[in-house]
Amino acid sequence: MARRGRQTLRAMVAATAVMVMVACGSDETPSPPAGSPAAMPASGTGTVEVGGRRVTVHVPASYDPGRPAPLVVGLHGYSSDAGELESYLGLTAQSDKRTFVYAYPDGSADDRGDQFWNATDACCAFYGKPDDSRYLSELIATLRRSYGIDGARVYLIGHSNGGFMAFRMACDHADQVTAIVSLNGASWNDAGRCRPSQPVSVLAIHSSTDETVAFGGGDINGIAYPSAATTVTQWQGYDQCAGAGRDAPALDLVTDLPGAETAVRSYTQGCAGGATVEAWTINGGSHVPQLGPAFTPAVTDFLLSRTKAAR
């Protein structure tokens, strides 16, 4: 199996076991409105400030302003940043190949200087509660205006805390989000806190031996998050899927495990609006698996094959 250079992310909750949480209210602090940045890149990669935060945007050379393009938003993990996410996933190359606009914003910095997303009660607003759900919703709206994005093809992908945030966006802004991919993240532990207004396709990827966000569920600073299986079951319910699902051939997605290590189970029967829920289990994988060359094309295929009625 061809090896890809390993990219190192600062592990998501490496310090949470010893972190002392400061007192803060349960209400989220409104983030500055995303608004319109001074200038978005017309082509290539550029970094702009939107709503007081840095956002990197890649526009492929094949982008045609006269043809609505898909949008993919990448969300980094706790204590990571947008640049590390791109180094890890390598979505810019897929943007060039598949002609989608790719944006990867930075989260807020906490009192330790670590960037984060306020996704769920478990993860990962340890020192403050910015309204990241609102911020990202407004960022998506800004990008749609700037690039004439196809509203039926808006996608999010996140790792770790970014995966939690992708689930949060699917819960809160199903009218904006077509499909998400979460790598080693989880949804709300309380399923009642997620009320998507319409179906959202979900690909939940989780390593069976994740040492940070446990495959079997757990807690961060005493606040629970659900298991990988429970997260998938929740989304089957939200999307009104029926049946036990079906297995597909295993995939070879990581380089530090032998053979086709990733089990695939898909739920499509009865799902409302043509949605799909998939669970990919990286058997023996870690929280930051060493991704092989097939990983990013595979998750891009999942995203771009999903669409909604134009909005």
C-alpha atoms as a PDB file:
ATOM      1  CA  MET A   1       0.000   0.000   0.000  1.00  0.00           C
ATOM      2  CA  ALA A   2       1.483   3.350  -1.055  1.00  0.00           C
ATOM      3  CA  ARG A   3       2.364   5.527   1.887  1.00  0.00           C
ATOM      4  CA  ARG A   4       1.419   9.151   2.180  1.00  0.00           C
ATOM      5  CA  GLY A   5       3.503  11.486   4.343  1.00  0.00           C
ATOM      6  CA  ARG A   6       1.972  11.590   7.775  1.00  0.00           C
ATOM      7  CA  GLN A   7       0.611  14.954   8.852  1.00  0.00           C
ATOM      8  CA  THR A   8       0.532  15.629  12.571  1.00  0.00           C
ATOM      9  CA  LEU A   9      -2.447  17.335  14.207  1.00  0.00           C
ATOM     10  CA  ARG A  10      -2.366  18.395  17.803  1.00  0.00           C
ATOM     11  CA  ALA A  11      -4.679  15.847  19.410  1.00  0.00           C
ATOM     12  CA  MET A  12      -8.108  17.248  20.117  1.00  0.00           C
ATOM     13  CA  VAL A  13      -8.538  16.921  23.828  1.00  0.00           C
ATOM     14  CA  ALA A  14      -5.008  16.083  24.901  1.00  0.00           C
ATOM     15  CA  ALA A  15      -5.214  18.446  27.846  1.00  0.00           C
ATOM     16  CA  THR A  16      -8.856  18.188  28.836  1.00  0.00           C
ATOM     17  CA  ALA A  17      -8.226  15.702  31.640  1.00  0.00           C
ATOM     18  CA  VAL A  18      -6.244  18.347  33.494  1.00  0.00           C
ATOM     19  CA  MET A  19      -8.030  21.403  32.160  1.00  0.00           C
ATOM     20  CA  VAL A  20      -9.818  23.521  34.750  1.00  0.00           C
ATOM     21  CA  MET A  21     -13.002  24.890  33.252  1.00  0.00           C
ATOM     22  CA  VAL A  22     -13.725  28.510  34.002  1.00  0.00           C
ATOM     23  CA  ALA A  23     -17.190  29.494  35.071  1.00  0.00           C
ATOM     24  CA  CYS A  24     -19.367  30.531  32.161  1.00  0.00           C
ATOM     25  CA  GLY A  25     -23.063  30.769  31.465  1.00  0.00           C
ATOM     26  CA  SER A  26     -24.950  28.292  29.368  1.00  0.00           C
ATOM     27  CA  ASP A  27     -25.965  30.938  26.842  1.00  0.00           C
ATOM     28  CA  GLU A  28     -23.869  31.177  23.721  1.00  0.00           C
ATOM     29  CA  THR A  29     -22.093  34.451  23.039  1.00  0.00           C
ATOM     30  CA  PRO A  30     -23.141  35.912  19.696  1.00  0.00           C
ATOM     31  CA  SER A  31     -20.299  35.775  17.202  1.00  0.00           C
ATOM     32  CA  PRO A  32     -19.686  38.825  15.032  1.00  0.00           C
ATOM     33  CA  PRO A  33     -21.820  38.556  11.899  1.00  0.00           C
ATOM     34  CA  ALA A  34     -19.927  37.070   9.003  1.00  0.00           C
ATOM     35  CA  GLY A  35     -20.917  39.925   6.729  1.00  0.00           C
ATOM     36  CA  SER A  36     -19.060  40.496   3.456  1.00  0.00           C
ATOM     37  CA  PRO A  37     -15.263  40.429   3.420  1.00  0.00           C
ATOM     38  CA  ALA A  38     -13.263  43.062   1.593  1.00  0.00           C
ATOM     39  CA  ALA A  39     -12.326  40.714  -1.243  1.00  0.00           C
ATOM     40  CA  MET A  40     -12.706  37.028  -1.923  1.00  0.00           C
ATOM     41  CA  PRO A  41     -10.120  35.351  -4.159  1.00  0.00           C
ATOM     42  CA  ALA A  42     -11.315  35.027  -7.757  1.00  0.00           C
ATOM     43  CA  SER A  43      -9.010  32.078  -8.399  1.00  0.00           C
ATOM     44  CA  GLY A  44      -6.419  30.097  -6.501  1.00  0.00           C
ATOM     45  CA  THR A  45      -6.028  30.217  -2.719  1.00  0.00           C
ATOM     46  CA  GLY A  46      -6.456  33.313  -0.598  1.00  0.00           C
ATOM     47  CA  THR A  47      -7.043  34.145   3.048  1.00  0.00           C
ATOM     48  CA  VAL A  48      -9.621  36.726   4.051  1.00  0.00           C
ATOM     49  CA  GLU A  49     -11.160  37.902   7.297  1.00  0.00           C
ATOM     50  CA  VAL A  50     -14.847  37.170   7.672  1.00  0.00           C
ATOM     51  CA  GLY A  51     -16.632  38.137  10.881  1.00  0.00           C
ATOM     52  CA  GLY A  52     -13.333  38.772  12.614  1.00  0.00           C
ATOM     53  CA  ARG A  53     -11.953  35.331  11.802  1.00  0.00           C
ATOM     54  CA  ARG A  54      -9.504  34.076   9.223  1.00  0.00           C
ATOM     55  CA  VAL A  55     -10.973  32.010   6.397  1.00  0.00           C
ATOM     56  CA  THR A  56      -8.917  30.402   3.641  1.00  0.00           C
ATOM     57  CA  VAL A  57     -10.758  29.972   0.352  1.00  0.00           C
ATOM     58  CA  HIS A  58      -9.598  27.940  -2.637  1.00  0.00           C
ATOM     59  CA  VAL A  59     -11.206  28.577  -6.017  1.00  0.00           C
ATOM     60  CA  PRO A  60     -10.192  26.096  -8.725  1.00  0.00           C
ATOM     61  CA  ALA A  61      -9.017  27.363 -12.104  1.00  0.00           C
ATOM     62  CA  SER A  62     -11.943  25.503 -13.686  1.00  0.00           C
ATOM     63  CA  TYR A  63     -14.483  27.533 -11.698  1.00  0.00           C
ATOM     64  CA  ASP A  64     -16.936  29.353 -13.970  1.00  0.00           C
ATOM     65  CA  PRO A  65     -18.853  32.204 -12.290  1.00  0.00           C
ATOM     66  CA  GLY A  66     -21.681  31.555 -14.725  1.00  0.00           C
ATOM     67  CA  ARG A  67     -22.189  27.989 -13.488  1.00  0.00           C
ATOM     68  CA  PRO A  68     -23.215  27.348  -9.862  1.00  0.00           C
ATOM     69  CA  ALA A  69     -20.523  25.292  -8.148  1.00  0.00           C
ATOM     70  CA  PRO A  70     -20.600  23.113  -5.030  1.00  0.00           C
ATOM     71  CA  LEU A  71     -19.162  24.396  -1.751  1.00  0.00           C
ATOM     72  CA  VAL A  72     -17.168  22.307   0.736  1.00  0.00           C
ATOM     73  CA  VAL A  73     -16.390  23.758   4.173  1.00  0.00           C
ATOM     74  CA  GLY A  74     -13.624  22.068   6.188  1.00  0.00           C
ATOM     75  CA  LEU A  75     -13.603  22.249  10.000  1.00  0.00           C
ATOM     76  CA  HIS A  76     -10.434  21.603  11.996  1.00  0.00           C
ATOM     77  CA  GLY A  77     -10.145  19.866  15.351  1.00  0.00           C
ATOM     78  CA  TYR A  78      -9.578  21.289  18.825  1.00  0.00           C
ATOM     79  CA  SER A  79      -6.194  23.057  19.170  1.00  0.00           C
ATOM     80  CA  SER A  80      -5.635  22.657  15.445  1.00  0.00           C
ATOM     81  CA  ASP A  81      -6.242  25.200  12.691  1.00  0.00           C
ATOM     82  CA  ALA A  82      -7.392  25.479   9.100  1.00  0.00           C
ATOM     83  CA  GLY A  83      -3.918  25.020   7.647  1.00  0.00           C
ATOM     84  CA  GLU A  84      -3.343  21.785   9.543  1.00  0.00           C
ATOM     85  CA  LEU A  85      -6.704  20.453   8.386  1.00  0.00           C
ATOM     86  CA  GLU A  86      -5.777  21.109   4.769  1.00  0.00           C
ATOM     87  CA  SER A  87      -2.372  19.478   5.264  1.00  0.00           C
ATOM     88  CA  TYR A  88      -4.123  16.444   6.737  1.00  0.00           C
ATOM     89  CA  LEU A  89      -7.003  16.021   4.283  1.00  0.00           C
ATOM     90  CA  GLY A  90      -5.567  17.572   1.119  1.00  0.00           C
ATOM     91  CA  LEU A  91      -8.917  18.786  -0.159  1.00  0.00           C
ATOM     92  CA  THR A  92      -7.398  21.497  -2.358  1.00  0.00           C
ATOM     93  CA  ALA A  93      -6.361  18.879  -4.907  1.00  0.00           C
ATOM     94  CA  GLN A  94      -9.913  17.521  -4.962  1.00  0.00           C
ATOM     95  CA  SER A  95     -11.257  21.059  -5.380  1.00  0.00           C
ATOM     96  CA  ASP A  96      -9.103  21.460  -8.483  1.00  0.00           C
ATOM     97  CA  LYS A  97     -10.068  18.056  -9.844  1.00  0.00           C
ATOM     98  CA  ARG A  98     -13.791  18.176  -9.063  1.00  0.00           C
ATOM     99  CA  THR A  99     -14.462  21.930  -9.424  1.00  0.00           C
ATOM    100  CA  PHE A 100     -15.856  22.939  -6.065  1.00  0.00           C
ATOM    101  CA  VAL A 101     -15.147  26.011  -3.970  1.00  0.00           C
ATOM    102  CA  TYR A 102     -13.356  24.991  -0.786  1.00  0.00           C
ATOM    103  CA  ALA A 103     -13.356  27.114   2.370  1.00  0.00           C
ATOM    104  CA  TYR A 104     -11.579  26.244   5.598  1.00  0.00           C
ATOM    105  CA  PRO A 105     -12.089  28.706   8.450  1.00  0.00           C
ATOM    106  CA  ASP A 106     -10.337  29.014  11.778  1.00  0.00           C
ATOM    107  CA  GLY A 107     -12.320  28.645  14.970  1.00  0.00           C
ATOM    108  CA  SER A 108     -12.118  30.930  17.989  1.00  0.00           C
ATOM    109  CA  ALA A 109      -9.065  30.918  20.263  1.00  0.00           C
ATOM    110  CA  ASP A 110      -9.635  30.030  23.909  1.00  0.00           C
ATOM    111  CA  ASP A 111      -7.708  31.304  26.939  1.00  0.00           C
ATOM    112  CA  ARG A 112      -4.928  28.812  26.199  1.00  0.00           C
ATOM    113  CA  GLY A 113      -4.627  30.041  22.614  1.00  0.00           C
ATOM    114  CA  ASP A 114      -6.147  26.812  21.270  1.00  0.00           C
ATOM    115  CA  GLN A 115      -8.665  27.166  18.464  1.00  0.00           C
ATOM    116  CA  PHE A 116     -11.986  25.384  18.829  1.00  0.00           C
ATOM    117  CA  TRP A 117     -15.602  25.110  17.731  1.00  0.00           C
ATOM    118  CA  ASN A 118     -18.500  25.395  20.177  1.00  0.00           C
ATOM    119  CA  ALA A 119     -20.218  22.318  18.803  1.00  0.00           C
ATOM    120  CA  THR A 120     -21.997  20.470  21.618  1.00  0.00           C
ATOM    121  CA  ASP A 121     -22.063  20.645  25.399  1.00  0.00           C
ATOM    122  CA  ALA A 122     -19.302  18.006  25.422  1.00  0.00           C
ATOM    123  CA  CYS A 123     -17.010  19.534  22.827  1.00  0.00           C
ATOM    124  CA  CYS A 124     -15.205  21.841  22.840  1.00  0.00           C
ATOM    125  CA  ALA A 125     -15.998  25.278  24.274  1.00  0.00           C
ATOM    126  CA  PHE A 126     -13.994  24.935  27.473  1.00  0.00           C
ATOM    127  CA  TYR A 127     -13.367  28.658  28.037  1.00  0.00           C
ATOM    128  CA  GLY A 128     -16.194  30.442  26.227  1.00  0.00           C
ATOM    129  CA  LYS A 129     -19.298  29.875  24.178  1.00  0.00           C
ATOM    130  CA  PRO A 130     -19.213  31.691  20.840  1.00  0.00           C
ATOM    131  CA  ASP A 131     -22.218  31.041  18.624  1.00  0.00           C
ATOM    132  CA  ASP A 132     -20.310  29.086  15.998  1.00  0.00           C
ATOM    133  CA  SER A 133     -23.492  27.629  14.561  1.00  0.00           C
ATOM    134  CA  ARG A 134     -24.651  31.112  13.626  1.00  0.00           C
ATOM    135  CA  TYR A 135     -21.192  32.161  12.451  1.00  0.00           C
ATOM    136  CA  LEU A 136     -20.810  29.223  10.071  1.00  0.00           C
ATOM    137  CA  SER A 137     -24.355  29.654   8.784  1.00  0.00           C
ATOM    138  CA  GLU A 138     -23.573  33.270   7.934  1.00  0.00           C
ATOM    139  CA  LEU A 139     -20.228  32.286   6.428  1.00  0.00           C
ATOM    140  CA  ILE A 140     -21.984  29.819   4.131  1.00  0.00           C
ATOM    141  CA  ALA A 141     -24.437  32.544   3.109  1.00  0.00           C
ATOM    142  CA  THR A 142     -21.537  34.925   2.411  1.00  0.00           C
ATOM    143  CA  LEU A 143     -19.741  32.351   0.269  1.00  0.00           C
ATOM    144  CA  ARG A 144     -22.927  31.592  -1.625  1.00  0.00           C
ATOM    145  CA  ARG A 145     -23.344  35.265  -2.477  1.00  0.00           C
ATOM    146  CA  SER A 146     -19.698  35.704  -3.411  1.00  0.00           C
ATOM    147  CA  TYR A 147     -19.451  32.707  -5.717  1.00  0.00           C
ATOM    148  CA  GLY A 148     -22.981  31.924  -6.856  1.00  0.00           C
ATOM    149  CA  ILE A 149     -22.782  28.589  -5.039  1.00  0.00           C
ATOM    150  CA  ASP A 150     -25.314  25.885  -5.870  1.00  0.00           C
ATOM    151  CA  GLY A 151     -27.519  25.856  -2.772  1.00  0.00           C
ATOM    152  CA  ALA A 152     -28.369  22.202  -3.402  1.00  0.00           C
ATOM    153  CA  ARG A 153     -24.708  21.208  -2.993  1.00  0.00           C
ATOM    154  CA  VAL A 154     -23.292  22.629   0.233  1.00  0.00           C
ATOM    155  CA  TYR A 155     -21.146  20.220   2.242  1.00  0.00           C
ATOM    156  CA  LEU A 156     -19.175  20.130   5.486  1.00  0.00           C
ATOM    157  CA  ILE A 157     -16.340  17.867   6.550  1.00  0.00           C
ATOM    158  CA  GLY A 158     -14.701  17.934   9.951  1.00  0.00           C
ATOM    159  CA  HIS A 159     -12.173  16.053  12.024  1.00  0.00           C
ATOM    160  CA  SER A 160     -12.605  15.556  15.777  1.00  0.00           C
ATOM    161  CA  ASN A 161     -14.058  18.791  17.238  1.00  0.00           C
ATOM    162  CA  GLY A 162     -14.691  19.756  13.604  1.00  0.00           C
ATOM    163  CA  GLY A 163     -16.688  16.548  13.185  1.00  0.00           C
ATOM    164  CA  PHE A 164     -18.804  17.482  16.211  1.00  0.00           C
ATOM    165  CA  MET A 165     -19.342  20.891  14.576  1.00  0.00           C
ATOM    166  CA  ALA A 166     -20.348  19.354  11.252  1.00  0.00           C
ATOM    167  CA  PHE A 167     -23.044  17.382  13.078  1.00  0.00           C
ATOM    168  CA  ARG A 168     -24.148  20.560  14.878  1.00  0.00           C
ATOM    169  CA  MET A 169     -24.555  22.370  11.555  1.00  0.00           C
ATOM    170  CA  ALA A 170     -26.616  19.501  10.163  1.00  0.00           C
ATOM    171  CA  CYS A 171     -28.833  19.737  13.244  1.00  0.00           C
ATOM    172  CA  ASP A 172     -29.248  23.515  13.206  1.00  0.00           C
ATOM    173  CA  HIS A 173     -29.048  24.419   9.523  1.00  0.00           C
ATOM    174  CA  ALA A 174     -30.375  21.487   7.542  1.00  0.00           C
ATOM    175  CA  ASP A 175     -31.871  24.001   5.123  1.00  0.00           C
ATOM    176  CA  GLN A 176     -28.316  25.060   4.199  1.00  0.00           C
ATOM    177  CA  VAL A 177     -26.419  21.779   4.451  1.00  0.00           C
ATOM    178  CA  THR A 178     -26.751  18.927   1.968  1.00  0.00           C
ATOM    179  CA  ALA A 179     -24.357  16.376   3.482  1.00  0.00           C
ATOM    180  CA  ILE A 180     -21.603  16.100   6.060  1.00  0.00           C
ATOM    181  CA  VAL A 181     -18.603  13.914   6.802  1.00  0.00           C
ATOM    182  CA  SER A 182     -17.342  13.507  10.365  1.00  0.00           C
ATOM    183  CA  LEU A 183     -14.011  11.829  11.084  1.00  0.00           C
ATOM    184  CA  ASN A 184     -13.838  10.816  14.748  1.00  0.00           C
ATOM    185  CA  GLY A 185     -16.515  13.231  15.948  1.00  0.00           C
ATOM    186  CA  ALA A 186     -19.971  12.732  17.463  1.00  0.00           C
ATOM    187  CA  SER A 187     -23.380  14.354  17.636  1.00  0.00           C
ATOM    188  CA  TRP A 188     -25.325  15.507  20.718  1.00  0.00           C
ATOM    189  CA  ASN A 189     -25.635  12.930  23.486  1.00  0.00           C
ATOM    190  CA  ASP A 190     -29.200  14.167  24.046  1.00  0.00           C
ATOM    191  CA  ALA A 191     -30.844  13.321  20.725  1.00  0.00           C
ATOM    192  CA  GLY A 192     -33.637  15.797  21.453  1.00  0.00           C
ATOM    193  CA  ARG A 193     -31.216  18.717  21.082  1.00  0.00           C
ATOM    194  CA  CYS A 194     -30.907  18.026  17.367  1.00  0.00           C
ATOM    195  CA  ARG A 195     -33.971  18.933  15.307  1.00  0.00           C
ATOM    196  CA  PRO A 196     -33.022  19.074  11.631  1.00  0.00           C
ATOM    197  CA  SER A 197     -35.695  20.786   9.550  1.00  0.00           C
ATOM    198  CA  GLN A 198     -35.067  18.461   6.608  1.00  0.00           C
ATOM    199  CA  PRO A 199     -32.943  15.410   5.793  1.00  0.00           C
ATOM    200  CA  VAL A 200     -29.156  15.694   5.675  1.00  0.00           C
ATOM    201  CA  SER A 201     -26.945  12.896   4.372  1.00  0.00           C
ATOM    202  CA  VAL A 202     -24.319  11.805   6.891  1.00  0.00           C
ATOM    203  CA  LEU A 203     -21.071   9.876   6.636  1.00  0.00           C
ATOM    204  CA  ALA A 204     -19.839   9.051  10.141  1.00  0.00           C
ATOM    205  CA  ILE A 205     -16.268   7.715  10.098  1.00  0.00           C
ATOM    206  CA  HIS A 206     -14.837   6.512  13.392  1.00  0.00           C
ATOM    207  CA  SER A 207     -11.753   4.580  14.443  1.00  0.00           C
ATOM    208  CA  SER A 208     -12.564   1.573  16.597  1.00  0.00           C
ATOM    209  CA  THR A 209      -9.612   2.259  18.901  1.00  0.00           C
ATOM    210  CA  ASP A 210      -9.833   6.055  18.970  1.00  0.00           C
ATOM    211  CA  GLU A 211      -8.015   7.088  22.137  1.00  0.00           C
ATOM    212  CA  THR A 212      -9.517  10.597  22.309  1.00  0.00           C
ATOM    213  CA  VAL A 213     -13.162  10.424  21.191  1.00  0.00           C
ATOM    214  CA  ALA A 214     -13.985   6.865  22.180  1.00  0.00           C
ATOM    215  CA  PHE A 215     -15.747   4.659  19.639  1.00  0.00           C
ATOM    216  CA  GLY A 216     -18.010   3.360  22.409  1.00  0.00           C
ATOM    217  CA  GLY A 217     -18.866   6.821  23.709  1.00  0.00           C
ATOM    218  CA  GLY A 218     -17.573   8.572  26.784  1.00  0.00           C
ATOM    219  CA  ASP A 219     -17.269  11.993  28.332  1.00  0.00           C
ATOM    220  CA  ILE A 220     -15.131  15.106  28.174  1.00  0.00           C
ATOM    221  CA  ASN A 221     -14.799  16.831  31.535  1.00  0.00           C
ATOM    222  CA  GLY A 222     -17.787  14.822  32.754  1.00  0.00           C
ATOM    223  CA  ILE A 223     -20.110  15.727  29.871  1.00  0.00           C
ATOM    224  CA  ALA A 224     -21.146  12.721  27.809  1.00  0.00           C
ATOM    225  CA  TYR A 225     -20.975  12.225  24.062  1.00  0.00           C
ATOM    226  CA  PRO A 226     -22.587   9.275  22.259  1.00  0.00           C
ATOM    227  CA  SER A 227     -20.938   6.212  20.790  1.00  0.00           C
ATOM    228  CA  ALA A 228     -20.301   5.935  17.072  1.00  0.00           C
ATOM    229  CA  ALA A 229     -23.190   3.467  16.787  1.00  0.00           C
ATOM    230  CA  THR A 230     -25.581   5.729  18.699  1.00  0.00           C
ATOM    231  CA  THR A 231     -24.639   8.711  16.553  1.00  0.00           C
ATOM    232  CA  VAL A 232     -25.490   6.731  13.422  1.00  0.00           C
ATOM    233  CA  THR A 233     -28.739   5.468  14.946  1.00  0.00           C
ATOM    234  CA  GLN A 234     -29.736   9.029  15.820  1.00  0.00           C
ATOM    235  CA  TRP A 235     -29.244  10.143  12.236  1.00  0.00           C
ATOM    236  CA  GLN A 236     -31.164   7.172  10.891  1.00  0.00           C
ATOM    237  CA  GLY A 237     -34.024   8.476  13.006  1.00  0.00           C
ATOM    238  CA  TYR A 238     -33.658  12.112  11.944  1.00  0.00           C
ATOM    239  CA  ASP A 239     -33.575  11.061   8.279  1.00  0.00           C
ATOM    240  CA  GLN A 240     -36.440   8.569   8.778  1.00  0.00           C
ATOM    241  CA  CYS A 241     -34.410   5.632   7.468  1.00  0.00           C
ATOM    242  CA  ALA A 242     -35.747   2.105   7.941  1.00  0.00           C
ATOM    243  CA  GLY A 243     -34.175  -1.320   7.869  1.00  0.00           C
ATOM    244  CA  ALA A 244     -30.929  -2.774   9.111  1.00  0.00           C
ATOM    245  CA  GLY A 245     -28.759  -1.308   6.391  1.00  0.00           C
ATOM    246  CA  ARG A 246     -26.397  -3.176   4.134  1.00  0.00           C
ATOM    247  CA  ASP A 247     -22.695  -3.857   4.130  1.00  0.00           C
ATOM    248  CA  ALA A 248     -20.489  -2.756   1.264  1.00  0.00           C
ATOM    249  CA  PRO A 249     -16.969  -3.945   0.451  1.00  0.00           C
ATOM    250  CA  ALA A 250     -14.349  -2.833   2.955  1.00  0.00           C
ATOM    251  CA  LEU A 251     -12.085   0.061   1.997  1.00  0.00           C
ATOM    252  CA  ASP A 252      -8.339   0.568   2.280  1.00  0.00           C
ATOM    253  CA  LEU A 253      -8.164   4.161   3.539  1.00  0.00           C
ATOM    254  CA  VAL A 254      -5.221   4.354   5.948  1.00  0.00           C
ATOM    255  CA  THR A 255      -1.576   3.448   5.569  1.00  0.00           C
ATOM    256  CA  ASP A 256      -0.736   2.384   9.119  1.00  0.00           C
ATOM    257  CA  LEU A 257      -3.042  -0.651   9.059  1.00  0.00           C
ATOM    258  CA  PRO A 258      -2.848  -3.648   6.716  1.00  0.00           C
ATOM    259  CA  GLY A 259      -5.381  -4.444   4.030  1.00  0.00           C
ATOM    260  CA  ALA A 260      -8.887  -3.070   3.663  1.00  0.00           C
ATOM    261  CA  GLU A 261      -9.351  -1.995   7.275  1.00  0.00           C
ATOM    262  CA  THR A 262     -12.471   0.156   6.973  1.00  0.00           C
ATOM    263  CA  ALA A 263     -15.868  -1.545   7.258  1.00  0.00           C
ATOM    264  CA  VAL A 264     -18.732   0.169   5.427  1.00  0.00           C
ATOM    265  CA  ARG A 265     -22.417   0.036   6.324  1.00  0.00           C
ATOM    266  CA  SER A 266     -25.010   2.069   4.441  1.00  0.00           C
ATOM    267  CA  TYR A 267     -28.584   2.996   5.326  1.00  0.00           C
ATOM    268  CA  THR A 268     -30.763   4.168   2.441  1.00  0.00           C
ATOM    269  CA  GLN A 269     -34.072   2.318   2.768  1.00  0.00           C
ATOM    270  CA  GLY A 270     -36.945   4.682   3.440  1.00  0.00           C
ATOM    271  CA  CYS A 271     -34.702   7.685   4.109  1.00  0.00           C
ATOM    272  CA  ALA A 272     -36.586  10.925   3.537  1.00  0.00           C
ATOM    273  CA  GLY A 273     -35.584  13.152   0.663  1.00  0.00           C
ATOM    274  CA  GLY A 274     -33.188  10.595  -0.785  1.00  0.00           C
ATOM    275  CA  ALA A 275     -30.794  11.004   2.143  1.00  0.00           C
ATOM    276  CA  THR A 276     -28.140   8.436   3.020  1.00  0.00           C
ATOM    277  CA  VAL A 277     -26.565   7.577   6.358  1.00  0.00           C
ATOM    278  CA  GLU A 278     -23.276   5.685   6.237  1.00  0.00           C
ATOM    279  CA  ALA A 279     -20.981   4.349   8.964  1.00  0.00           C
ATOM    280  CA  TRP A 280     -17.351   3.677   8.116  1.00  0.00           C
ATOM    281  CA  THR A 281     -15.408   1.959  10.892  1.00  0.00           C
ATOM    282  CA  ILE A 282     -11.600   2.126  10.732  1.00  0.00           C
ATOM    283  CA  ASN A 283     -10.831  -1.104  12.545  1.00  0.00           C
ATOM    284  CA  GLY A 284      -7.764  -0.601  14.734  1.00  0.00           C
ATOM    285  CA  GLY A 285      -7.504   3.061  13.788  1.00  0.00           C
ATOM    286  CA  SER A 286      -6.419   5.927  16.035  1.00  0.00           C
ATOM    287  CA  HIS A 287      -7.838   9.404  16.604  1.00  0.00           C
ATOM    288  CA  VAL A 288      -5.562  10.772  13.879  1.00  0.00           C
ATOM    289  CA  PRO A 289      -5.294   7.872  11.433  1.00  0.00           C
ATOM    290  CA  GLN A 290      -2.559   8.034   8.824  1.00  0.00           C
ATOM    291  CA  LEU A 291      -4.682   8.667   5.766  1.00  0.00           C
ATOM    292  CA  GLY A 292      -3.850   6.933   2.518  1.00  0.00           C
ATOM    293  CA  PRO A 293      -4.327   8.290  -1.006  1.00  0.00           C
ATOM    294  CA  ALA A 294      -7.823   6.795  -1.315  1.00  0.00           C
ATOM    295  CA  PHE A 295      -9.323   8.563   1.707  1.00  0.00           C
ATOM    296  CA  THR A 296      -9.964  12.074   0.441  1.00  0.00           C
ATOM    297  CA  PRO A 297     -11.279  11.010  -2.988  1.00  0.00           C
ATOM    298  CA  ALA A 298     -13.634   8.558  -1.252  1.00  0.00           C
ATOM    299  CA  VAL A 299     -15.139  11.126   1.109  1.00  0.00           C
ATOM    300  CA  THR A 300     -15.351  13.664  -1.716  1.00  0.00           C
ATOM    301  CA  ASP A 301     -17.275  11.104  -3.772  1.00  0.00           C
ATOM    302  CA  PHE A 302     -19.728  10.683  -0.904  1.00  0.00           C
ATOM    303  CA  LEU A 303     -20.324  14.412  -0.581  1.00  0.00           C
ATOM    304  CA  LEU A 304     -20.591  15.360  -4.232  1.00  0.00           C
ATOM    305  CA  SER A 305     -22.964  12.497  -5.029  1.00  0.00           C
ATOM    306  CA  ARG A 306     -25.564  14.006  -2.661  1.00  0.00           C
ATOM    307  CA  THR A 307     -27.874  16.827  -3.670  1.00  0.00           C
ATOM    308  CA  LYS A 308     -31.103  18.475  -2.560  1.00  0.00           C
ATOM    309  CA  ALA A 309     -33.880  20.388  -4.208  1.00  0.00           C
ATOM    310  CA  ALA A 310     -32.470  23.781  -5.164  1.00  0.00           C
ATOM    311  CA  ARG A 311     -32.881  26.436  -2.475  1.00  0.00           C
END
